[in-house]
Amino acid sequence: IQRDLLQEKDRAAYGKQIFATLSRELSQRYGKGFTGSALHRMVKFAE
C-alpha cells in the first residue's frame, strides 16, 4: 500500500479513498482484521 501511495501526487486525498475502498473489500472477504485503522497500522509498520 505504501508503494502505491508514493506514486500519487495528491497522497492525502488518494490515501483516504484507497483505505476506504480496500477496507470495505477486504473486510467483506476476510473479516474485521482489515479495517481502515488496521490497514493504517500495517502501512506504519512497513514505514
All heavy atoms as atom14 arrays in JSON, in Angstrom:
{
  "sequence": "IQRDLLQEKDRAAYGKQIFATLSRELSQRYGKGFTGSALHRMVKFAE",
  "atom14_mask": [
    [1, 1, 1, 1, 1, 1, 1, 1, 0, 0, 0, 0, 0, 0],
    [1, 1, 1, 1, 1, 1, 1, 1, 1, 0, 0, 0, 0, 0],
    [1, 1, 1, 1, 1, 1, 1, 1, 1, 1, 1, 0, 0, 0],
    [1, 1, 1, 1, 1, 1, 1, 1, 0, 0, 0, 0, 0, 0],
    [1, 1, 1, 1, 1, 1, 1, 1, 0, 0, 0, 0, 0, 0],
    [1, 1, 1, 1, 1, 1, 1, 1, 0, 0, 0, 0, 0, 0],
    [1, 1, 1, 1, 1, 1, 1, 1, 1, 0, 0, 0, 0, 0],
    [1, 1, 1, 1, 1, 1, 1, 1, 1, 0, 0, 0, 0, 0],
    [1, 1, 1, 1, 1, 1, 1, 1, 1, 0, 0, 0, 0, 0],
    [1, 1, 1, 1, 1, 1, 1, 1, 0, 0, 0, 0, 0, 0],
    [1, 1, 1, 1, 1, 1, 1, 1, 1, 1, 1, 0, 0, 0],
    [1, 1, 1, 1, 1, 0, 0, 0, 0, 0, 0, 0, 0, 0],
    [1, 1, 1, 1, 1, 0, 0, 0, 0, 0, 0, 0, 0, 0],
    [1, 1, 1, 1, 1, 1, 1, 1, 1, 1, 1, 1, 0, 0],
    [1, 1, 1, 1, 0, 0, 0, 0, 0, 0, 0, 0, 0, 0],
    [1, 1, 1, 1, 1, 1, 1, 1, 1, 0, 0, 0, 0, 0],
    [1, 1, 1, 1, 1, 1, 1, 1, 1, 0, 0, 0, 0, 0],
    [1, 1, 1, 1, 1, 1, 1, 1, 0, 0, 0, 0, 0, 0],
    [1, 1, 1, 1, 1, 1, 1, 1, 1, 1, 1, 0, 0, 0],
    [1, 1, 1, 1, 1, 0, 0, 0, 0, 0, 0, 0, 0, 0],
    [1, 1, 1, 1, 1, 1, 1, 0, 0, 0, 0, 0, 0, 0],
    [1, 1, 1, 1, 1, 1, 1, 1, 0, 0, 0, 0, 0, 0],
    [1, 1, 1, 1, 1, 1, 0, 0, 0, 0, 0, 0, 0, 0],
    [1, 1, 1, 1, 1, 1, 1, 1, 1, 1, 1, 0, 0, 0],
    [1, 1, 1, 1, 1, 1, 1, 1, 1, 0, 0, 0, 0, 0],
    [1, 1, 1, 1, 1, 1, 1, 1, 0, 0, 0, 0, 0, 0],
    [1, 1, 1, 1, 1, 1, 0, 0, 0, 0, 0, 0, 0, 0],
    [1, 1, 1, 1, 1, 1, 1, 1, 1, 0, 0, 0, 0, 0],
    [1, 1, 1, 1, 1, 1, 1, 1, 1, 1, 1, 0, 0, 0],
    [1, 1, 1, 1, 1, 1, 1, 1, 1, 1, 1, 1, 0, 0],
    [1, 1, 1, 1, 0, 0, 0, 0, 0, 0, 0, 0, 0, 0],
    [1, 1, 1, 1, 1, 1, 1, 1, 1, 0, 0, 0, 0, 0],
    [1, 1, 1, 1, 0, 0, 0, 0, 0, 0, 0, 0, 0, 0],
    [1, 1, 1, 1, 1, 1, 1, 1, 1, 1, 1, 0, 0, 0],
    [1, 1, 1, 1, 1, 1, 1, 0, 0, 0, 0, 0, 0, 0],
    [1, 1, 1, 1, 0, 0, 0, 0, 0, 0, 0, 0, 0, 0],
    [1, 1, 1, 1, 1, 1, 0, 0, 0, 0, 0, 0, 0, 0],
    [1, 1, 1, 1, 1, 0, 0, 0, 0, 0, 0, 0, 0, 0],
    [1, 1, 1, 1, 1, 1, 1, 1, 0, 0, 0, 0, 0, 0],
    [1, 1, 1, 1, 1, 1, 1, 1, 1, 1, 0, 0, 0, 0],
    [1, 1, 1, 1, 1, 1, 1, 1, 1, 1, 1, 0, 0, 0],
    [1, 1, 1, 1, 1, 1, 1, 1, 0, 0, 0, 0, 0, 0],
    [1, 1, 1, 1, 1, 1, 1, 0, 0, 0, 0, 0, 0, 0],
    [1, 1, 1, 1, 1, 1, 1, 1, 1, 0, 0, 0, 0, 0],
    [1, 1, 1, 1, 1, 1, 1, 1, 1, 1, 1, 0, 0, 0],
    [1, 1, 1, 1, 1, 0, 0, 0, 0, 0, 0, 0, 0, 0],
    [1, 1, 1, 1, 1, 1, 1, 1, 1, 0, 0, 0, 0, 0]
  ],
  "atom14_positions": [
    [[0.84, -1.2, 0.0], [0.0, 0.0, 0.0], [0.87, 1.25, 0.0], [0.6, 2.22, -0.71], [-0.94, 0.0, 1.23], [-1.92, -1.17, 1.16], [-1.71, 1.32, 1.31], [-2.79, -1.31, 2.4], [0.0, 0.0, 0.0], [0.0, 0.0, 0.0], [0.0, 0.0, 0.0], [0.0, 0.0, 0.0], [0.0, 0.0, 0.0], [0.0, 0.0, 0.0]],
    [[1.92, 1.23, 0.79], [2.83, 2.37, 0.88], [3.44, 2.66, -0.49], [3.53, 3.83, -0.92], [3.94, 2.09, 1.89], [4.94, 3.23, 2.06], [6.13, 2.82, 2.89], [6.54, 1.65, 2.85], [6.69, 3.75, 3.63], [0.0, 0.0, 0.0], [0.0, 0.0, 0.0], [0.0, 0.0, 0.0], [0.0, 0.0, 0.0], [0.0, 0.0, 0.0]],
    [[3.85, 1.63, -1.19], [4.45, 1.8, -2.52], [3.45, 2.43, -3.49], [3.79, 3.28, -4.3], [4.92, 0.44, -3.04], [5.75, 0.52, -4.32], [6.32, -0.84, -4.65], [5.26, -1.79, -4.95], [5.44, -3.11, -4.98], [6.63, -3.62, -4.69], [4.44, -3.92, -5.28], [0.0, 0.0, 0.0], [0.0, 0.0, 0.0], [0.0, 0.0, 0.0]],
    [[2.2, 2.03, -3.39], [1.16, 2.58, -4.25], [0.9, 4.04, -3.92], [0.72, 4.88, -4.81], [-0.13, 1.77, -4.1], [-1.12, 2.01, -5.22], [-0.93, 1.43, -6.31], [-2.07, 2.79, -5.02], [0.0, 0.0, 0.0], [0.0, 0.0, 0.0], [0.0, 0.0, 0.0], [0.0, 0.0, 0.0], [0.0, 0.0, 0.0], [0.0, 0.0, 0.0]],
    [[0.89, 4.35, -2.63], [0.64, 5.73, -2.2], [1.75, 6.67, -2.66], [1.49, 7.82, -3.01], [0.52, 5.79, -0.68], [-0.74, 5.18, -0.05], [-0.64, 5.19, 1.46], [-1.99, 5.94, -0.5], [0.0, 0.0, 0.0], [0.0, 0.0, 0.0], [0.0, 0.0, 0.0], [0.0, 0.0, 0.0], [0.0, 0.0, 0.0], [0.0, 0.0, 0.0]],
    [[2.99, 6.2, -2.65], [4.12, 7.04, -3.03], [4.06, 7.46, -4.5], [4.71, 8.44, -4.89], [5.43, 6.3, -2.75], [5.8, 6.11, -1.28], [7.06, 5.26, -1.13], [5.99, 7.46, -0.59], [0.0, 0.0, 0.0], [0.0, 0.0, 0.0], [0.0, 0.0, 0.0], [0.0, 0.0, 0.0], [0.0, 0.0, 0.0], [0.0, 0.0, 0.0]],
    [[3.32, 6.74, -5.29], [3.23, 7.04, -6.72], [2.22, 8.17, -7.0], [2.15, 8.68, -8.11], [2.82, 5.79, -7.5], [3.86, 4.68, -7.44], [3.37, 3.39, -8.09], [2.22, 3.3, -8.5], [4.26, 2.41, -8.2], [0.0, 0.0, 0.0], [0.0, 0.0, 0.0], [0.0, 0.0, 0.0], [0.0, 0.0, 0.0], [0.0, 0.0, 0.0]],
    [[1.44, 8.53, -5.98], [0.41, 9.54, -6.18], [0.88, 10.91, -5.71], [1.49, 11.05, -4.65], [-0.84, 9.14, -5.4], [-1.49, 7.86, -5.89], [-1.99, 7.97, -7.32], [-2.49, 9.05, -7.7], [-1.86, 6.98, -8.07], [0.0, 0.0, 0.0], [0.0, 0.0, 0.0], [0.0, 0.0, 0.0], [0.0, 0.0, 0.0], [0.0, 0.0, 0.0]],
    [[0.59, 11.94, -6.5], [0.96, 13.3, -6.14], [0.09, 13.8, -4.98], [0.59, 14.37, -4.01], [0.82, 14.22, -7.35], [1.84, 13.91, -8.45], [1.69, 14.88, -9.6], [2.72, 14.59, -10.7], [2.6, 15.53, -11.85], [0.0, 0.0, 0.0], [0.0, 0.0, 0.0], [0.0, 0.0, 0.0], [0.0, 0.0, 0.0], [0.0, 0.0, 0.0]],
    [[-1.2, 13.59, -5.09], [-2.12, 14.02, -4.03], [-2.35, 12.83, -3.11], [-3.38, 12.16, -3.16], [-3.44, 14.49, -4.64], [-4.35, 15.14, -3.6], [-3.94, 15.2, -2.42], [-5.45, 15.56, -3.97], [0.0, 0.0, 0.0], [0.0, 0.0, 0.0], [0.0, 0.0, 0.0], [0.0, 0.0, 0.0], [0.0, 0.0, 0.0], [0.0, 0.0, 0.0]],
    [[-1.35, 12.57, -2.25], [-1.38, 11.35, -1.44], [-2.48, 11.36, -0.39], [-3.07, 10.33, -0.09], [-0.03, 11.15, -0.76], [1.11, 10.92, -1.74], [2.45, 10.83, -1.04], [3.54, 10.88, -1.99], [4.82, 11.0, -1.65], [5.14, 11.11, -0.36], [5.75, 11.02, -2.57], [0.0, 0.0, 0.0], [0.0, 0.0, 0.0], [0.0, 0.0, 0.0]],
    [[-2.76, 12.52, 0.18], [-3.75, 12.59, 1.25], [-5.13, 12.19, 0.75], [-5.81, 11.34, 1.33], [-3.79, 13.99, 1.85], [0.0, 0.0, 0.0], [0.0, 0.0, 0.0], [0.0, 0.0, 0.0], [0.0, 0.0, 0.0], [0.0, 0.0, 0.0], [0.0, 0.0, 0.0], [0.0, 0.0, 0.0], [0.0, 0.0, 0.0], [0.0, 0.0, 0.0]],
    [[-5.54, 12.81, -0.38], [-6.87, 12.51, -0.93], [-6.93, 11.08, -1.44], [-7.9, 10.34, -1.18], [-7.2, 13.48, -2.06], [0.0, 0.0, 0.0], [0.0, 0.0, 0.0], [0.0, 0.0, 0.0], [0.0, 0.0, 0.0], [0.0, 0.0, 0.0], [0.0, 0.0, 0.0], [0.0, 0.0, 0.0], [0.0, 0.0, 0.0], [0.0, 0.0, 0.0]],
    [[-5.88, 10.66, -2.13], [-5.86, 9.3, -2.67], [-5.82, 8.28, -1.54], [-6.49, 7.24, -1.59], [-4.64, 9.11, -3.58], [-4.52, 7.7, -4.13], [-5.37, 7.25, -5.13], [-3.54, 6.83, -3.64], [-5.25, 5.96, -5.64], [-3.42, 5.54, -4.14], [-4.28, 5.12, -5.14], [-4.17, 3.85, -5.63], [0.0, 0.0, 0.0], [0.0, 0.0, 0.0]],
    [[-5.03, 8.6, -0.5], [-4.91, 7.68, 0.64], [-6.25, 7.47, 1.32], [-6.61, 6.34, 1.66], [0.0, 0.0, 0.0], [0.0, 0.0, 0.0], [0.0, 0.0, 0.0], [0.0, 0.0, 0.0], [0.0, 0.0, 0.0], [0.0, 0.0, 0.0], [0.0, 0.0, 0.0], [0.0, 0.0, 0.0], [0.0, 0.0, 0.0], [0.0, 0.0, 0.0]],
    [[-6.99, 8.55, 1.53], [-8.3, 8.43, 2.18], [-9.24, 7.56, 1.36], [-9.95, 6.7, 1.9], [-8.89, 9.83, 2.36], [-10.18, 9.86, 3.16], [-10.64, 11.3, 3.38], [-11.93, 11.32, 4.22], [-12.39, 12.72, 4.47], [0.0, 0.0, 0.0], [0.0, 0.0, 0.0], [0.0, 0.0, 0.0], [0.0, 0.0, 0.0], [0.0, 0.0, 0.0]],
    [[-9.19, 7.74, 0.06], [-10.06, 6.97, -0.83], [-9.65, 5.5, -0.87], [-10.49, 4.61, -0.75], [-9.99, 7.57, -2.23], [-10.78, 6.77, -3.28], [-10.55, 7.29, -4.69], [-9.96, 8.36, -4.86], [-11.01, 6.55, -5.68], [0.0, 0.0, 0.0], [0.0, 0.0, 0.0], [0.0, 0.0, 0.0], [0.0, 0.0, 0.0], [0.0, 0.0, 0.0]],
    [[-8.33, 5.25, -1.01], [-7.87, 3.88, -1.17], [-8.05, 3.07, 0.11], [-8.39, 1.89, 0.07], [-6.39, 3.84, -1.64], [-6.02, 2.44, -2.14], [-5.44, 4.24, -0.53], [-6.76, 2.02, -3.37], [0.0, 0.0, 0.0], [0.0, 0.0, 0.0], [0.0, 0.0, 0.0], [0.0, 0.0, 0.0], [0.0, 0.0, 0.0], [0.0, 0.0, 0.0]],
    [[-7.85, 3.7, 1.26], [-8.03, 2.98, 2.53], [-9.49, 2.58, 2.7], [-9.8, 1.48, 3.15], [-7.57, 3.84, 3.71], [-6.1, 3.76, 3.96], [-5.28, 4.86, 3.77], [-5.5, 2.58, 4.4], [-3.92, 4.79, 4.0], [-4.14, 2.5, 4.63], [-3.34, 3.61, 4.43], [0.0, 0.0, 0.0], [0.0, 0.0, 0.0], [0.0, 0.0, 0.0]],
    [[-10.41, 3.47, 2.33], [-11.83, 3.16, 2.46], [-12.22, 2.02, 1.53], [-12.95, 1.09, 1.93], [-12.66, 4.4, 2.15], [0.0, 0.0, 0.0], [0.0, 0.0, 0.0], [0.0, 0.0, 0.0], [0.0, 0.0, 0.0], [0.0, 0.0, 0.0], [0.0, 0.0, 0.0], [0.0, 0.0, 0.0], [0.0, 0.0, 0.0], [0.0, 0.0, 0.0]],
    [[-11.71, 2.07, 0.29], [-12.04, 1.02, -0.68], [-11.46, -0.32, -0.28], [-12.16, -1.35, -0.28], [-11.51, 1.42, -2.07], [-12.09, 2.66, -2.46], [-11.85, 0.33, -3.1], [0.0, 0.0, 0.0], [0.0, 0.0, 0.0], [0.0, 0.0, 0.0], [0.0, 0.0, 0.0], [0.0, 0.0, 0.0], [0.0, 0.0, 0.0], [0.0, 0.0, 0.0]],
    [[-10.18, -0.32, 0.07], [-9.52, -1.57, 0.45], [-10.15, -2.17, 1.69], [-10.36, -3.39, 1.77], [-8.03, -1.31, 0.69], [-7.19, -0.94, -0.53], [-5.76, -0.6, -0.1], [-7.17, -2.09, -1.54], [0.0, 0.0, 0.0], [0.0, 0.0, 0.0], [0.0, 0.0, 0.0], [0.0, 0.0, 0.0], [0.0, 0.0, 0.0], [0.0, 0.0, 0.0]],
    [[-10.44, -1.34, 2.67], [-11.04, -1.83, 3.92], [-12.38, -2.49, 3.65], [-12.67, -3.58, 4.17], [-11.2, -0.67, 4.9], [-11.92, -1.09, 6.04], [0.0, 0.0, 0.0], [0.0, 0.0, 0.0], [0.0, 0.0, 0.0], [0.0, 0.0, 0.0], [0.0, 0.0, 0.0], [0.0, 0.0, 0.0], [0.0, 0.0, 0.0], [0.0, 0.0, 0.0]],
    [[-13.19, -1.85, 2.84], [-14.52, -2.4, 2.55], [-14.42, -3.75, 1.82], [-15.07, -4.73, 2.21], [-15.31, -1.4, 1.7], [-16.72, -1.87, 1.38], [-17.51, -0.82, 0.61], [-16.91, -0.51, -0.68], [-16.24, 0.62, -0.95], [-16.08, 1.53, -0.01], [-15.71, 0.82, -2.15], [0.0, 0.0, 0.0], [0.0, 0.0, 0.0], [0.0, 0.0, 0.0]],
    [[-13.57, -3.81, 0.8], [-13.46, -5.03, 0.01], [-12.81, -6.17, 0.8], [-13.28, -7.32, 0.78], [-12.66, -4.76, -1.27], [-13.31, -3.78, -2.22], [-14.63, -4.31, -2.79], [-14.76, -5.54, -2.91], [-15.51, -3.48, -3.11], [0.0, 0.0, 0.0], [0.0, 0.0, 0.0], [0.0, 0.0, 0.0], [0.0, 0.0, 0.0], [0.0, 0.0, 0.0]],
    [[-11.73, -5.87, 1.5], [-11.01, -6.91, 2.25], [-11.83, -7.4, 3.44], [-11.81, -8.6, 3.77], [-9.66, -6.39, 2.71], [-8.63, -6.11, 1.6], [-7.36, -5.48, 2.18], [-8.28, -7.38, 0.84], [0.0, 0.0, 0.0], [0.0, 0.0, 0.0], [0.0, 0.0, 0.0], [0.0, 0.0, 0.0], [0.0, 0.0, 0.0], [0.0, 0.0, 0.0]],
    [[-12.52, -6.48, 4.11], [-13.33, -6.87, 5.27], [-14.49, -7.79, 4.85], [-14.84, -8.74, 5.56], [-13.88, -5.64, 5.99], [-12.84, -4.87, 6.54], [0.0, 0.0, 0.0], [0.0, 0.0, 0.0], [0.0, 0.0, 0.0], [0.0, 0.0, 0.0], [0.0, 0.0, 0.0], [0.0, 0.0, 0.0], [0.0, 0.0, 0.0], [0.0, 0.0, 0.0]],
    [[-15.07, -7.51, 3.69], [-16.16, -8.36, 3.22], [-15.67, -9.78, 2.94], [-16.37, -10.76, 3.19], [-16.76, -7.76, 1.94], [-17.61, -6.52, 2.18], [-18.16, -5.94, 0.89], [-17.82, -6.4, -0.21], [-18.99, -4.91, 1.01], [0.0, 0.0, 0.0], [0.0, 0.0, 0.0], [0.0, 0.0, 0.0], [0.0, 0.0, 0.0], [0.0, 0.0, 0.0]],
    [[-14.45, -9.89, 2.47], [-13.93, -11.2, 2.08], [-13.22, -11.91, 3.22], [-13.34, -13.13, 3.38], [-12.98, -11.05, 0.89], [-12.46, -12.38, 0.34], [-11.58, -12.16, -0.87], [-11.09, -13.41, -1.4], [-11.71, -14.16, -2.31], [-12.89, -13.76, -2.79], [-11.16, -15.28, -2.75], [0.0, 0.0, 0.0], [0.0, 0.0, 0.0], [0.0, 0.0, 0.0]],
    [[-12.46, -11.13, 4.06], [-11.59, -11.77, 5.06], [-11.94, -11.44, 6.51], [-11.28, -11.94, 7.43], [-10.13, -11.39, 4.8], [-9.65, -11.83, 3.45], [-9.43, -10.89, 2.44], [-9.42, -13.17, 3.16], [-8.98, -11.27, 1.18], [-8.97, -13.57, 1.9], [-8.76, -12.63, 0.91], [-8.33, -13.01, -0.32], [0.0, 0.0, 0.0], [0.0, 0.0, 0.0]],
    [[-12.92, -10.59, 6.75], [-13.3, -10.31, 8.13], [-12.78, -8.98, 8.66], [-12.18, -8.18, 7.94], [0.0, 0.0, 0.0], [0.0, 0.0, 0.0], [0.0, 0.0, 0.0], [0.0, 0.0, 0.0], [0.0, 0.0, 0.0], [0.0, 0.0, 0.0], [0.0, 0.0, 0.0], [0.0, 0.0, 0.0], [0.0, 0.0, 0.0], [0.0, 0.0, 0.0]],
    [[-13.0, -8.76, 9.96], [-12.76, -7.44, 10.56], [-11.29, -7.11, 10.79], [-10.98, -6.02, 11.27], [-13.5, -7.36, 11.9], [-13.04, -8.4, 12.93], [-13.84, -8.28, 14.2], [-13.38, -9.32, 15.24], [-14.15, -9.21, 16.5], [0.0, 0.0, 0.0], [0.0, 0.0, 0.0], [0.0, 0.0, 0.0], [0.0, 0.0, 0.0], [0.0, 0.0, 0.0]],
    [[-10.38, -8.0, 10.48], [-8.96, -7.71, 10.67], [-8.39, -6.72, 9.68], [-7.2, -6.38, 9.76], [0.0, 0.0, 0.0], [0.0, 0.0, 0.0], [0.0, 0.0, 0.0], [0.0, 0.0, 0.0], [0.0, 0.0, 0.0], [0.0, 0.0, 0.0], [0.0, 0.0, 0.0], [0.0, 0.0, 0.0], [0.0, 0.0, 0.0], [0.0, 0.0, 0.0]],
    [[-9.22, -6.23, 8.74], [-8.72, -5.34, 7.7], [-9.51, -4.04, 7.65], [-9.83, -3.52, 6.58], [-8.75, -6.05, 6.34], [-7.86, -7.25, 6.28], [-8.37, -8.51, 6.57], [-6.51, -7.13, 6.0], [-7.55, -9.63, 6.54], [-5.68, -8.24, 5.97], [-6.2, -9.5, 6.26], [0.0, 0.0, 0.0], [0.0, 0.0, 0.0], [0.0, 0.0, 0.0]],
    [[-9.81, -3.51, 8.82], [-10.46, -2.21, 8.9], [-9.51, -1.12, 8.42], [-8.31, -1.35, 8.24], [-10.88, -1.9, 10.34], [-9.69, -1.84, 11.16], [-11.81, -2.97, 10.89], [0.0, 0.0, 0.0], [0.0, 0.0, 0.0], [0.0, 0.0, 0.0], [0.0, 0.0, 0.0], [0.0, 0.0, 0.0], [0.0, 0.0, 0.0], [0.0, 0.0, 0.0]],
    [[-10.04, 0.08, 8.23], [-9.18, 1.18, 7.8], [-8.04, 1.45, 8.76], [-6.89, 1.66, 8.35], [0.0, 0.0, 0.0], [0.0, 0.0, 0.0], [0.0, 0.0, 0.0], [0.0, 0.0, 0.0], [0.0, 0.0, 0.0], [0.0, 0.0, 0.0], [0.0, 0.0, 0.0], [0.0, 0.0, 0.0], [0.0, 0.0, 0.0], [0.0, 0.0, 0.0]],
    [[-8.35, 1.45, 10.06], [-7.3, 1.7, 11.06], [-6.26, 0.59, 11.06], [-5.06, 0.84, 11.25], [-7.92, 1.85, 12.45], [-8.66, 0.69, 12.8], [0.0, 0.0, 0.0], [0.0, 0.0, 0.0], [0.0, 0.0, 0.0], [0.0, 0.0, 0.0], [0.0, 0.0, 0.0], [0.0, 0.0, 0.0], [0.0, 0.0, 0.0], [0.0, 0.0, 0.0]],
    [[-6.72, -0.67, 10.84], [-5.77, -1.78, 10.79], [-4.83, -1.64, 9.6], [-3.62, -1.89, 9.72], [-6.53, -3.11, 10.71], [0.0, 0.0, 0.0], [0.0, 0.0, 0.0], [0.0, 0.0, 0.0], [0.0, 0.0, 0.0], [0.0, 0.0, 0.0], [0.0, 0.0, 0.0], [0.0, 0.0, 0.0], [0.0, 0.0, 0.0], [0.0, 0.0, 0.0]],
    [[-5.36, -1.22, 8.45], [-4.52, -1.02, 7.27], [-3.53, 0.12, 7.49], [-2.37, 0.04, 7.06], [-5.39, -0.74, 6.05], [-6.28, -1.9, 5.57], [-7.15, -1.46, 4.4], [-5.44, -3.12, 5.19], [0.0, 0.0, 0.0], [0.0, 0.0, 0.0], [0.0, 0.0, 0.0], [0.0, 0.0, 0.0], [0.0, 0.0, 0.0], [0.0, 0.0, 0.0]],
    [[-3.97, 1.18, 8.17], [-3.06, 2.28, 8.51], [-1.9, 1.77, 9.37], [-0.75, 2.17, 9.18], [-3.81, 3.4, 9.25], [-4.49, 4.37, 8.34], [-3.8, 5.31, 7.61], [-5.81, 4.54, 8.04], [-4.66, 6.04, 6.9], [-5.89, 5.59, 7.14], [0.0, 0.0, 0.0], [0.0, 0.0, 0.0], [0.0, 0.0, 0.0], [0.0, 0.0, 0.0]],
    [[-2.2, 0.89, 10.33], [-1.13, 0.34, 11.19], [-0.16, -0.51, 10.37], [1.04, -0.52, 10.64], [-1.75, -0.47, 12.32], [-2.42, 0.37, 13.4], [-2.73, -0.44, 14.64], [-3.79, -1.41, 14.4], [-5.08, -1.17, 14.61], [-5.47, 0.02, 15.02], [-5.98, -2.12, 14.39], [0.0, 0.0, 0.0], [0.0, 0.0, 0.0], [0.0, 0.0, 0.0]],
    [[-0.67, -1.23, 9.39], [0.22, -2.04, 8.54], [1.16, -1.17, 7.73], [2.34, -1.49, 7.56], [-0.62, -2.93, 7.62], [-1.43, -3.98, 8.36], [-2.5, -4.94, 7.23], [-3.67, -5.66, 8.4], [0.0, 0.0, 0.0], [0.0, 0.0, 0.0], [0.0, 0.0, 0.0], [0.0, 0.0, 0.0], [0.0, 0.0, 0.0], [0.0, 0.0, 0.0]],
    [[0.63, -0.06, 7.21], [1.48, 0.87, 6.47], [2.54, 1.48, 7.4], [3.72, 1.6, 7.04], [0.63, 1.98, 5.81], [1.53, 3.07, 5.21], [-0.27, 1.39, 4.75], [0.0, 0.0, 0.0], [0.0, 0.0, 0.0], [0.0, 0.0, 0.0], [0.0, 0.0, 0.0], [0.0, 0.0, 0.0], [0.0, 0.0, 0.0], [0.0, 0.0, 0.0]],
    [[2.11, 1.86, 8.61], [3.05, 2.39, 9.6], [4.12, 1.36, 9.92], [5.31, 1.7, 10.07], [2.27, 2.77, 10.87], [3.13, 3.31, 12.01], [3.63, 4.7, 11.72], [4.29, 5.3, 12.94], [4.83, 6.66, 12.69], [0.0, 0.0, 0.0], [0.0, 0.0, 0.0], [0.0, 0.0, 0.0], [0.0, 0.0, 0.0], [0.0, 0.0, 0.0]],
    [[3.72, 0.11, 10.03], [4.64, -1.0, 10.29], [5.73, -1.05, 9.22], [6.93, -1.15, 9.52], [3.84, -2.3, 10.32], [4.63, -3.54, 10.66], [5.76, -3.5, 11.47], [4.23, -4.78, 10.15], [6.47, -4.64, 11.79], [4.93, -5.93, 10.47], [6.06, -5.86, 11.28], [0.0, 0.0, 0.0], [0.0, 0.0, 0.0], [0.0, 0.0, 0.0]],
    [[5.33, -0.97, 7.95], [6.3, -1.02, 6.85], [7.18, 0.22, 6.84], [8.35, 0.15, 6.44], [5.57, -1.17, 5.52], [0.0, 0.0, 0.0], [0.0, 0.0, 0.0], [0.0, 0.0, 0.0], [0.0, 0.0, 0.0], [0.0, 0.0, 0.0], [0.0, 0.0, 0.0], [0.0, 0.0, 0.0], [0.0, 0.0, 0.0], [0.0, 0.0, 0.0]],
    [[6.65, 1.35, 7.29], [7.42, 2.59, 7.3], [8.52, 2.58, 8.36], [9.66, 2.97, 8.1], [6.49, 3.79, 7.55], [5.6, 4.13, 6.37], [4.64, 5.26, 6.7], [4.55, 5.63, 7.9], [3.98, 5.77, 5.78], [0.0, 0.0, 0.0], [0.0, 0.0, 0.0], [0.0, 0.0, 0.0], [0.0, 0.0, 0.0], [0.0, 0.0, 0.0]]
  ]
}
